[in-house]
Protein backbone atom coordinates (compact mmCIF):
# COMPACT_ATOMS: atom_id res chain seq x y z
CA MET A 1 166.96 68.02 123.49
CA ASN A 2 169.53 66.30 125.61
CA SER A 3 167.84 63.46 127.43
CA LEU A 4 167.51 59.88 126.33
CA SER A 5 163.76 60.31 126.05
CA GLY A 6 163.95 63.49 123.99
CA ARG A 7 163.12 65.81 126.90
CA SER A 8 165.51 68.62 127.68
CA ASP A 9 167.66 68.91 130.79
CA LYS A 10 165.50 71.72 132.12
CA ASP A 11 162.61 69.25 132.36
CA GLU A 12 164.42 67.41 135.12
CA PRO A 13 163.47 66.85 137.81
CA LYS A 14 160.08 68.48 137.18
CA ALA A 15 158.28 65.26 136.22
CA LYS A 16 156.02 65.49 139.22
CA ASN A 17 154.20 68.54 137.83
CA GLU A 18 154.47 67.87 134.10
CA ASP A 19 150.95 67.81 132.70
CA GLY A 20 150.15 64.77 130.58
CA ILE A 21 152.84 62.47 132.00
CA VAL A 22 151.27 59.52 133.78
CA GLY A 23 153.22 56.45 134.84
CA VAL A 24 151.39 53.12 135.11
CA MET A 25 152.78 50.76 137.74
CA LEU A 26 152.06 47.09 138.23
CA ASP A 27 152.60 45.41 141.60
CA ILE A 28 151.75 41.69 141.76
CA GLU A 29 152.40 39.49 144.75
CA PRO A 30 155.03 36.88 143.86
CA LYS A 31 154.62 33.13 143.58
CA ARG A 32 150.85 33.15 143.16
CA SER A 33 148.92 31.79 140.21
CA TRP A 34 145.84 33.78 139.33
CA LEU A 35 143.80 30.88 137.98
CA VAL A 36 140.37 30.97 139.65
CA ARG A 37 136.84 29.83 138.93
CA THR A 38 134.50 32.77 138.57
CA GLN A 39 132.11 34.44 136.15
CA PRO A 40 133.70 34.70 132.68
CA GLY A 41 135.12 38.19 132.17
CA ALA A 42 134.27 39.38 135.69
CA LEU A 43 137.81 40.09 136.88
CA ARG A 44 138.78 41.64 133.56
CA ARG A 45 135.80 44.02 133.70
CA ILE A 46 136.57 45.01 137.30
CA ILE A 47 140.21 45.82 136.57
CA MET A 48 139.54 47.53 133.23
CA ASN A 49 136.80 49.76 134.69
CA LEU A 50 138.92 50.79 137.68
CA LEU A 51 142.04 51.32 135.56
CA GLY A 52 140.07 53.20 132.91
CA ASN A 53 138.61 55.59 135.49
CA ALA A 54 142.03 56.16 137.07
CA LEU A 55 143.60 57.00 133.71
CA LYS A 56 140.69 59.24 132.72
CA TYR A 57 140.89 61.39 135.84
CA THR A 58 144.70 61.47 136.20
CA THR A 59 146.43 64.07 134.02
CA SER A 60 149.83 63.76 135.68
CA GLY A 61 151.51 61.56 138.23
CA PHE A 62 150.83 57.85 138.47
CA VAL A 63 148.32 55.01 138.39
CA ALA A 64 149.28 51.90 140.38
CA VAL A 65 147.56 48.52 140.10
CA SER A 66 148.24 45.95 142.84
CA LEU A 67 147.15 42.31 143.04
CA ARG A 68 147.37 40.17 146.16
CA ALA A 69 146.19 36.63 146.91
CA ALA A 70 146.42 34.22 149.83
CA PRO A 71 144.69 30.96 150.84
CA SER A 72 141.62 31.81 152.87
CA GLU A 73 141.95 31.20 156.60
CA GLY A 74 139.11 29.40 158.35
CA ARG A 75 137.30 28.76 155.08
CA ALA A 76 136.72 25.74 152.88
CA ALA A 77 139.75 24.36 151.09
CA GLY A 78 140.41 25.85 147.67
CA LYS A 79 139.27 29.38 148.53
CA ILE A 80 141.53 32.36 147.84
CA ASP A 81 141.35 35.79 149.50
CA THR A 82 141.96 38.23 146.65
CA LEU A 83 142.75 41.93 146.81
CA ILE A 84 142.71 44.24 143.77
CA ARG A 85 143.89 47.77 144.55
CA VAL A 86 144.01 50.72 142.12
CA VAL A 87 145.61 53.94 143.34
CA ASP A 88 145.99 57.17 141.36
CA SER A 89 147.19 60.74 141.87
CA GLY A 90 144.27 62.19 139.93
CA LYS A 91 141.68 64.84 140.68
CA GLY A 92 139.86 62.83 143.36
CA MET A 93 136.22 63.05 144.44
CA SER A 94 134.35 65.22 146.90
CA ASP A 95 132.90 63.84 150.14
CA ASP A 96 129.36 64.72 149.00
CA PHE A 97 129.68 62.77 145.76
CA MET A 98 131.16 59.76 147.53
CA ARG A 99 128.39 59.77 150.12
CA ASP A 100 125.41 60.27 147.82
CA ARG A 101 126.21 59.19 144.24
CA LEU A 102 129.38 57.08 144.18
CA PHE A 103 127.75 53.87 142.89
CA VAL A 104 124.65 55.42 141.30
CA PRO A 105 124.43 54.55 137.57
CA PHE A 106 125.01 57.41 135.11
CA SER A 107 126.55 59.61 137.81
CA GLN A 108 129.67 61.69 137.18
CA GLU A 109 130.94 64.45 139.43
CA ASP A 110 132.56 66.17 136.44
CA THR A 111 129.90 66.19 133.73
CA PHE A 112 132.39 67.47 131.16
CA GLN A 113 134.35 64.24 131.27
CA PRO A 114 133.65 61.60 128.59
CA GLY A 115 131.84 58.43 129.54
CA THR A 116 128.44 57.39 130.84
CA GLY A 117 129.09 57.21 134.58
CA LEU A 118 128.51 53.44 134.69
CA GLY A 119 132.05 52.26 135.48
CA LEU A 120 131.93 52.10 139.27
CA SER A 121 128.30 50.98 139.42
CA ILE A 122 129.15 48.00 137.19
CA VAL A 123 132.14 47.17 139.38
CA LYS A 124 129.92 47.27 142.47
CA GLN A 125 127.33 44.98 140.87
CA ILE A 126 129.95 42.42 139.80
CA VAL A 127 131.71 42.44 143.17
CA ASP A 128 128.40 42.11 145.03
CA SER A 129 127.47 39.11 142.87
CA LEU A 130 130.80 37.48 143.82
CA GLY A 131 130.27 38.14 147.52
CA GLY A 132 133.02 40.74 147.75
CA THR A 133 133.40 44.30 148.96
CA VAL A 134 134.48 47.61 147.41
CA ASP A 135 136.19 50.25 149.57
CA VAL A 136 136.83 53.74 148.15
CA GLN A 137 138.96 56.50 149.65
CA SER A 138 139.43 59.76 147.79
CA GLN A 139 140.50 63.34 148.33
CA GLN A 140 140.05 66.12 145.83
CA ASN A 141 143.27 67.22 144.08
CA VAL A 142 145.17 64.41 145.84
CA GLY A 143 143.95 61.13 144.37
CA THR A 144 141.82 58.02 144.81
CA GLU A 145 142.40 54.54 146.23
CA ILE A 146 139.95 51.71 145.52
CA GLU A 147 140.22 48.25 147.09
CA VAL A 148 138.21 45.26 145.89
CA ARG A 149 138.24 42.19 148.17
CA MET A 150 136.80 38.83 147.10
CA HIS A 151 136.86 35.18 148.18
CA LEU A 152 137.28 33.18 144.98
CA ASN A 153 137.42 29.48 144.20
CA SER A 154 140.80 28.12 143.17
CA ALA A 155 140.83 26.67 139.66
CA ASN A 156 143.11 23.79 140.67
CA GLU A 157 145.78 22.81 143.18
CA HIS A 158 148.38 25.00 141.43
CA ALA A 159 146.33 28.16 141.86
CA ILE A 160 147.43 28.56 145.48
CA GLY A 161 150.99 27.35 144.95
CA LEU A 162 154.07 28.30 142.97
CA PRO A 163 154.10 29.16 139.29
CA GLU A 164 154.70 26.48 136.71
CA PRO A 165 158.38 25.35 136.56
CA ASN A 166 158.95 27.02 133.17
CA ASP A 167 157.54 30.39 134.28
CA VAL A 168 160.25 32.96 133.46
CA THR A 169 159.97 34.56 136.91
CA ARG A 170 160.85 31.24 138.53
CA VAL A 171 163.51 30.28 135.97
CA ILE A 172 165.46 33.51 136.45
CA THR A 173 165.40 33.57 140.27
CA PRO A 174 168.28 31.08 140.89
CA SER A 175 170.48 33.07 138.48
CA VAL A 176 169.92 36.48 140.10
CA LYS A 177 169.24 35.50 143.73
CA GLY A 178 171.51 37.53 145.99
CA LYS A 179 172.77 39.75 143.16
CA HIS A 180 172.89 43.49 143.68
CA MET A 181 170.46 45.71 141.78
CA VAL A 182 171.33 49.40 142.08
CA LEU A 183 168.54 51.91 141.38
CA LEU A 184 170.14 55.04 139.93
CA ASP A 185 168.60 58.44 140.57
CA PRO A 186 170.42 61.76 139.94
CA TRP A 187 167.80 63.46 142.16
CA PRO A 188 168.42 61.98 145.65
CA GLU A 189 165.90 64.29 147.38
CA ARG A 190 162.99 63.14 145.27
CA PRO A 191 159.68 63.30 147.25
CA VAL A 192 158.41 59.84 148.18
CA ASN A 193 155.01 60.40 146.53
CA GLU A 194 156.49 61.62 143.24
CA ARG A 195 155.79 59.39 140.25
CA THR A 196 159.33 58.12 139.67
CA ALA A 197 159.88 57.62 143.41
CA ARG A 198 156.82 55.38 143.59
CA LEU A 199 158.05 53.45 140.56
CA GLN A 200 161.40 52.96 142.25
CA GLY A 201 159.58 51.57 145.29
CA THR A 202 157.60 49.17 143.11
CA LEU A 203 160.75 48.00 141.31
CA ARG A 204 162.53 47.52 144.64
CA GLU A 205 159.74 45.31 145.96
CA LEU A 206 159.64 43.40 142.69
CA CYS A 207 163.39 42.66 142.74
CA GLU A 208 163.41 41.77 146.43
CA ASN A 209 160.20 39.72 146.62
CA TRP A 210 160.15 38.02 143.22
CA TYR A 211 163.84 37.50 142.47
CA GLU A 212 165.36 37.66 146.00
CA MET A 213 167.89 40.29 144.92
CA ARG A 214 169.65 42.87 147.07
CA VAL A 215 168.53 46.40 146.16
CA SER A 216 170.10 49.77 146.94
CA LYS A 217 170.01 53.32 145.58
CA SER A 218 172.80 55.50 144.27
CA VAL A 219 173.21 58.79 142.42
CA SER A 220 176.09 57.48 140.28
CA MET A 221 177.59 54.29 138.82
CA ASP A 222 180.24 53.85 141.51
CA VAL A 223 178.91 50.90 143.52
CA GLU A 224 181.73 48.34 143.70
CA ASP A 225 179.60 45.19 144.00
CA ALA A 226 176.81 46.27 141.62
CA ASP A 227 175.49 43.51 139.32
CA PHE A 228 172.82 45.61 137.57
CA TYR A 229 172.12 49.33 137.25
CA LEU A 230 168.57 50.57 136.60
CA TYR A 231 167.14 54.01 135.86
CA ALA A 232 163.40 54.23 136.61
CA GLU A 233 163.33 57.28 134.30
CA PRO A 234 165.72 57.95 131.37
CA PRO A 235 168.10 60.73 132.52
CA ALA A 236 169.93 63.29 130.41
CA VAL A 237 172.06 61.43 127.88
CA ASP A 238 175.17 63.47 128.72
CA HIS A 239 174.83 62.45 132.35
CA VAL A 240 174.79 58.77 131.40
CA LEU A 241 177.66 59.14 128.96
CA ARG A 242 179.80 60.82 131.61
CA GLU A 243 179.16 57.89 133.94
CA VAL A 244 179.94 55.33 131.26
CA ARG A 245 183.10 57.04 130.00
CA ARG A 246 184.62 56.87 133.44
CA GLY A 247 184.00 53.14 133.59
CA GLY A 248 180.65 53.06 135.36
CA LEU A 249 179.45 49.92 133.56
CA LYS A 250 182.62 47.91 134.20
CA GLN A 251 184.31 46.53 137.27
CA GLY A 252 187.64 45.29 135.98
CA ASN A 253 186.73 42.76 133.28
CA ARG A 254 183.21 42.34 134.67
CA LEU A 255 180.39 43.94 132.69
CA ILE A 256 177.42 45.54 134.49
CA PRO A 257 174.16 45.73 132.48
CA LEU A 258 172.20 48.99 132.43
CA ILE A 259 168.38 48.93 132.28
CA LEU A 260 166.43 52.05 131.24
CA VAL A 261 162.71 52.06 132.15
CA CYS A 262 160.74 54.41 129.90
CA LEU A 263 157.38 56.02 130.57
CA ASN A 264 155.64 54.18 127.73
CA ALA A 265 156.24 52.43 124.42
CA GLU A 266 156.47 55.71 122.50
CA GLU A 267 159.24 56.99 124.76
CA ALA A 268 161.01 53.64 124.44
CA ILE A 269 160.85 54.03 120.66
CA THR A 270 162.37 57.51 120.92
CA VAL A 271 165.15 56.34 123.22
CA GLY A 272 165.86 53.37 121.01
CA ARG A 273 165.73 54.99 117.58
CA ASN A 274 166.76 58.64 117.97
CA GLN A 275 169.57 58.02 120.44
CA VAL A 276 171.02 54.84 118.91
CA GLN A 277 174.28 56.45 117.83
CA ARG A 278 174.95 57.90 121.26
CA LEU A 279 173.94 54.74 123.09
CA ALA A 280 176.23 52.78 120.78
CA GLU A 281 179.12 54.43 122.60
CA PHE A 282 178.27 52.12 125.50
CA ASP A 283 180.79 49.31 125.36
CA SER A 284 178.38 47.28 127.43
CA ILE A 285 174.90 45.87 127.79
CA VAL A 286 171.93 48.27 127.67
CA GLU A 287 168.26 47.31 127.81
CA VAL A 288 165.30 49.64 127.19
CA ILE A 289 161.82 48.68 128.43
CA PRO A 290 158.52 50.59 128.69
CA GLN A 291 156.18 50.80 131.65
CA PRO A 292 154.33 49.06 133.07
CA ALA A 293 157.35 46.98 134.11
CA GLY A 294 155.72 43.93 135.66
CA PRO A 295 157.45 40.82 137.02
CA ARG A 296 157.54 38.84 133.77
CA LYS A 297 158.73 41.76 131.67
CA LEU A 298 161.57 42.56 134.05
CA ALA A 299 162.41 38.85 134.41
CA LYS A 300 162.86 38.58 130.64
CA VAL A 301 165.12 41.62 130.63
CA LEU A 302 167.24 40.21 133.47
CA GLN A 303 167.41 36.90 131.60
CA MET A 304 168.65 38.66 128.44
CA CYS A 305 171.20 40.64 130.46
CA MET A 306 172.58 37.48 132.06
CA ARG A 307 172.76 35.72 128.72
CA THR A 308 174.56 38.65 127.08
CA VAL A 309 177.01 38.93 129.98
CA HIS A 310 177.80 35.23 129.60
CA GLU A 311 178.24 35.51 125.82
CA LYS A 312 180.49 38.54 126.07
CA SER A 313 182.56 36.97 128.84
CA ALA A 314 183.05 33.90 126.65
CA GLU A 315 184.21 35.92 123.66
CA SER A 316 187.85 35.59 122.79
CA GLY A 317 189.95 38.57 121.71
CA GLY A 318 190.48 41.99 123.12
CA GLU A 319 187.91 44.58 122.16
CA GLN A 320 184.32 43.88 123.15
CA GLU A 321 181.69 44.37 120.50
CA LYS A 322 179.67 47.49 121.06
CA VAL A 323 175.96 47.20 121.63
CA ALA A 324 173.38 49.23 119.76
CA VAL A 325 170.12 49.64 121.56
CA VAL A 326 166.61 49.98 120.25
CA ALA A 327 163.19 49.60 121.75
CA ALA A 328 160.62 47.53 119.93
CA SER A 329 158.20 49.65 117.96
CA PRO A 330 154.56 48.76 118.62
CA THR A 331 152.43 49.81 115.67
CA ALA A 332 148.78 50.04 114.73
CA SER A 333 147.90 52.14 111.68
CA PRO A 334 146.21 51.72 108.27
CA GLN A 335 147.52 49.03 105.93
CA LEU A 336 151.09 49.68 104.90
CA LYS A 337 152.58 49.24 101.48
CA ARG A 338 156.14 48.02 101.89
CA LYS A 339 158.89 50.56 101.32
CA ALA A 340 162.02 48.50 101.83
CA THR A 341 165.01 50.65 102.57
CA SER A 342 168.52 50.32 103.89
CA ASP A 343 168.63 53.87 105.28
CA ASN A 344 168.21 52.61 108.84
CA PRO A 345 171.25 50.69 110.12
CA PRO A 346 170.63 47.19 111.49
CA ILE A 347 170.05 47.38 115.21
CA SER A 348 169.28 44.75 117.79
CA SER A 349 166.25 44.76 120.04
CA SER A 350 166.40 44.74 123.78
CA LEU A 351 162.73 45.10 124.61
CA SER A 352 160.54 42.44 126.14
CA PHE A 353 156.90 42.39 127.05
CA PRO A 354 155.21 40.27 129.67
CA SER A 355 153.75 36.89 128.77
CA PRO A 356 150.63 35.46 130.41
CA PRO A 357 150.73 32.37 132.59
CA PRO A 358 150.81 29.00 130.78
CA LEU A 359 147.54 28.15 129.07
CA ASP A 360 145.26 26.09 131.28
CA PRO A 361 143.41 23.56 129.06
CA ALA A 362 140.52 23.65 131.50
CA THR A 363 139.85 27.35 130.86
CA PRO A 364 136.38 27.20 129.24
CA ALA A 365 136.66 30.31 127.04
CA LEU A 366 140.01 29.35 125.55
CA GLU A 367 139.04 25.72 125.24
CA GLY A 368 136.10 26.77 123.10
CA MET A 369 138.21 29.10 120.96
CA LEU A 370 140.74 26.35 120.34
CA GLN A 371 138.13 23.68 119.55
CA LEU A 372 138.96 22.09 116.20
CA PRO A 373 136.93 19.96 113.82
CA PRO A 374 137.56 16.23 114.44
CA ASN A 375 139.15 15.71 111.01
CA VAL A 376 141.81 18.41 111.50
CA THR A 377 145.12 17.19 112.87
CA GLY A 378 148.75 18.18 112.92
CA ALA A 379 149.41 20.34 115.99
CA THR A 380 152.95 20.64 117.21
CA ALA A 381 154.11 20.56 120.77
CA ALA A 382 155.40 23.79 122.27
CA PRO A 383 159.14 24.27 122.05
CA ASP A 384 161.13 23.07 125.02
CA ALA A 385 161.14 25.85 127.59
CA HIS A 386 164.89 25.45 127.98
CA THR A 387 165.74 25.83 124.29
CA ASN A 388 165.15 28.45 121.64
CA GLY A 389 164.20 25.93 118.96
CA VAL A 390 161.01 26.02 116.93
CA ARG A 391 159.43 22.97 115.35
CA ASP A 392 157.54 22.63 112.07
CA SER A 393 154.00 21.35 112.15
CA GLU A 394 152.92 18.46 110.03
CA ARG A 395 151.82 19.59 106.59
CA ASN A 396 148.06 20.01 106.53
CA GLY A 397 146.00 19.50 103.44
CA GLY A 398 148.60 17.32 101.69
CA THR A 399 149.07 19.57 98.65
CA ASP A 400 151.81 21.93 97.54
CA GLN A 401 149.18 24.61 96.97
CA ALA A 402 148.53 24.99 100.72
CA LEU A 403 150.10 28.15 102.06
CA HIS A 404 153.20 27.78 104.27
CA ILE A 405 153.21 30.38 107.06
CA LEU A 406 155.63 31.39 109.82
CA LEU A 407 153.87 32.35 113.07
CA VAL A 408 155.87 34.68 115.32
CA ASP A 409 154.62 35.70 118.78
CA ASP A 410 156.09 35.53 122.29
CA ASN A 411 152.61 35.12 123.78
CA ARG A 412 151.86 31.38 123.94
CA ILE A 413 148.09 31.88 123.99
CA ASN A 414 148.24 34.02 120.84
CA LEU A 415 150.36 31.34 119.16
CA GLN A 416 147.89 28.61 120.06
CA LEU A 417 145.00 30.61 118.64
CA LEU A 418 146.94 31.22 115.42
CA MET A 419 147.86 27.53 115.24
CA ALA A 420 144.19 26.59 115.56
CA PHE A 421 143.38 28.99 112.71
CA MET A 422 146.16 27.48 110.57
CA LYS A 423 144.93 23.93 111.10
CA LYS A 424 141.30 24.82 110.51
CA ASN A 425 142.20 26.33 107.11
CA GLY A 426 144.66 23.63 106.07
CA TYR A 427 147.79 25.83 106.10
CA SER A 428 151.17 24.39 107.02
CA TYR A 429 153.13 26.43 109.49
CA ALA A 430 156.10 26.78 111.81
CA GLU A 431 156.38 28.74 115.05
CA ALA A 432 158.87 31.18 116.56
CA GLU A 433 158.72 33.00 119.88
CA ASN A 434 160.94 35.98 119.08
CA GLY A 435 162.32 37.87 116.09
CA LEU A 436 165.70 36.14 116.09
CA GLU A 437 164.10 32.68 115.93
CA ALA A 438 161.86 33.94 113.12
CA LEU A 439 164.84 35.23 111.14
CA GLN A 440 166.76 31.97 111.56
CA LYS A 441 163.69 29.91 110.67
CA TYR A 442 163.07 31.99 107.55
CA GLN A 443 166.70 31.77 106.44
CA ALA A 444 166.70 27.99 106.95
CA SER A 445 163.59 27.68 104.79
CA CYS A 446 165.49 29.46 102.01
CA GLY A 447 168.43 27.04 102.21
CA LEU A 448 170.88 28.83 104.53
CA PRO A 449 172.70 26.15 106.58
CA GLU A 450 172.32 26.44 110.35
CA GLY A 451 175.05 28.58 111.91
CA ALA A 452 176.26 29.88 108.53
CA SER A 453 176.92 33.52 107.69
CA GLU A 454 173.96 35.31 106.07
CA SER A 455 176.13 36.02 103.01
CA GLN A 456 176.95 32.34 102.45
CA PRO A 457 175.50 30.82 99.24
CA LEU A 458 172.18 29.06 99.74
CA SER A 459 171.99 25.30 99.64
CA ASN A 460 169.92 23.54 97.00
CA ASP A 461 168.73 21.17 99.72
CA ARG A 462 166.24 23.60 101.13
CA GLN A 463 162.90 23.39 102.92
CA ARG A 464 159.77 24.91 101.50
CA ARG A 465 159.93 28.71 101.69
CA PHE A 466 157.35 30.59 103.69
CA ASP A 467 154.63 32.39 101.76
CA TYR A 468 153.78 34.66 104.67
CA VAL A 469 155.20 35.71 108.04
CA LEU A 470 152.69 36.72 110.73
CA MET A 471 154.98 38.91 112.83
CA ASP A 472 154.30 40.17 116.33
CA ILE A 473 156.03 43.50 116.96
CA SER A 474 156.88 43.60 120.66
CA MET A 475 159.04 40.59 121.55
CA PRO A 476 162.17 39.84 123.58
CA ILE A 477 165.66 39.25 122.13
CA MET A 478 164.77 40.77 118.73
CA ASN A 479 161.58 42.69 117.99
CA GLY A 480 159.39 42.13 114.95
CA LEU A 481 160.50 45.23 113.07
CA GLU A 482 164.20 44.42 113.35
CA SER A 483 163.47 40.83 112.31
CA THR A 484 161.57 42.14 109.27
CA ARG A 485 164.46 44.46 108.34
CA ARG A 486 166.87 41.55 108.39
CA ILE A 487 164.52 39.29 106.44
CA ARG A 488 164.23 41.97 103.72
CA ALA A 489 168.01 42.47 103.66
CA PHE A 490 168.48 38.70 103.35
CA GLU A 491 166.02 38.55 100.44
CA ARG A 492 167.78 41.40 98.64
CA GLU A 493 171.22 39.92 99.16
CA HIS A 494 170.21 36.54 97.71
CA ARG A 495 167.80 37.99 95.12
CA LEU A 496 164.82 36.15 96.52
CA SER A 497 161.19 37.01 95.93
CA SER A 498 159.63 38.68 98.96
CA ALA A 499 157.46 36.83 101.44
CA GLY A 500 154.41 38.68 102.70
CA VAL A 501 154.97 40.12 106.17
CA ILE A 502 151.84 40.92 108.17
CA ALA A 503 152.52 42.74 111.42
CA LEU A 504 150.31 41.96 114.41
CA THR A 505 150.20 44.76 116.98
CA GLY A 506 148.07 46.49 119.57
CA LEU A 507 149.62 49.98 119.92
CA ALA A 508 149.74 53.01 117.65
CA SER A 509 152.06 55.97 117.11
CA LYS A 510 153.33 58.03 114.16
CA GLU A 511 156.88 56.94 114.91
CA ALA A 512 155.86 53.29 114.92
CA HIS A 513 153.96 53.80 111.66
CA LYS A 514 157.10 55.16 110.03
CA GLU A 515 159.23 52.36 111.49
CA ALA A 516 156.86 49.72 110.12
CA GLU A 517 156.97 51.21 106.63
CA THR A 518 160.74 51.43 106.50
CA ALA A 519 161.22 48.00 108.04
CA GLY A 520 159.50 46.30 105.11
CA VAL A 521 156.11 45.40 106.61
CA ASP A 522 153.40 44.79 103.99
CA VAL A 523 150.21 44.94 106.08
CA PHE A 524 149.33 45.27 109.73
CA LEU A 525 146.37 43.90 111.66
CA PRO A 526 145.56 45.34 115.10
CA LYS A 527 145.03 42.92 117.96
CA PRO A 528 142.73 41.23 118.67
CA VAL A 529 143.02 39.82 115.16
CA ARG A 530 139.81 39.13 113.26
CA PHE A 531 140.47 35.79 111.63
CA ALA A 532 138.03 36.52 108.80
CA ALA A 533 140.07 39.59 107.84
CA LEU A 534 143.32 37.66 108.19
CA LYS A 535 142.04 34.88 105.93
CA ARG A 536 141.21 37.38 103.18
CA LEU A 537 144.84 38.53 103.20
CA LEU A 538 146.33 35.04 102.99
CA VAL A 539 146.07 34.46 99.24
CA PRO A 540 148.60 32.50 97.10
CA ARG A 541 151.48 34.71 96.03
CA GLU A 542 152.47 34.54 92.40
CA ASP A 543 156.14 35.19 93.15
CA SER A 544 156.39 32.47 95.84
């Protein structure tokens, strides 16, 4: 096993024909908001049905989802021409089935496949009700392409304009505009329709169209004016180490970040955890992210790379600090009893996941979910988009018996829903948008002065300690598991009673299960969180 992902050298470059390996690609047109007025859940059902079918009938290769939008020409103001395209390299459909039974309910060409045969018929009904069209092209043993076209009503004036000013894709563009992204591929003759080749094409368009970067390809890290290197598939680790040892990630004193795009979260976990010691040989900046690598996810990674380059360039002294790399570990498994351990060395996270657009208060579904009783007050404003600070809410309930809870999630909508739950139940709370903020917030609540070393004695002038930490797992800067590890280490070092850590996650794997146990997580709740179940877990802790 010699590759970063755990696959052997002999597996490369055979990815095209490897059964069970399916890459999911996301291609969204830049600088378009997707806020529209339509039937609640209609667009979600269309995309989920099409994506679900593509994944079901594709055993190897790729599934690509594309979204396009433009102001309608020759139509009433506020209309948007929308295109949703799903393409796969799956088994395809016969001409007879497409002609006679394509949209017939309960019809499946392969009767041995799971499902009811309602997916496409439901899509057709929804699209017809919205005045749109569905176009299907398919060839057996080649793949399927489905295009859905609709004319939708814009939600507001921003829906046909640029993203909000604090959108990460817009914030990062001035910093990376004109910079050189080099796509690395040790297999230069890769067929254009091969999975990784298509991903490279998607990443090229993303960098050029969203961030206005220059993009080129190379087989090695020898491009003089490179600003970033990116592998669309983790190569053999020895290959990367050879490149790095001969100075591939440095140009003089200038550091060049390396981004590794993994097939999925499980592969990112393997790259991050099993290969940490070898990746630590990189005297540079290395980021590991899973597919699908959409515009916001990649923007966050570029933002972290730029920040780390700046910090390292500002460091005084000779030897640069080496970087250990780990991918965040998404988990979803039965409730975990904490097994705190120091067997795993502290490692920093370099994995980010996409965030949704800013919450629109006029969105009816969310507005209803966030509706609070008139006597409940105490919401806090969101942290300034240009700072990493988190602010405490006002204490609700007015008694010391009310639980004090730290909410940690990089998804603003999830945070707002959790905040509404906190206020409704009279809990006091604070917010953090990544694991590092959560760690610093927790340490401050225990009396550690801001900016002090973790080993420094705690101050008597402390805030109220948190009873519980509701910890998202997949976050930028530092993931939830690494944050939990450091919280547990901090508690042990200062002989503090343990806060309850409840992990919130939406993915499952045996590796992630093990990571959660060893990190010090008490309980996990899969997303979407059932607030009734969460409330039963939030009981006063005797050792708080």
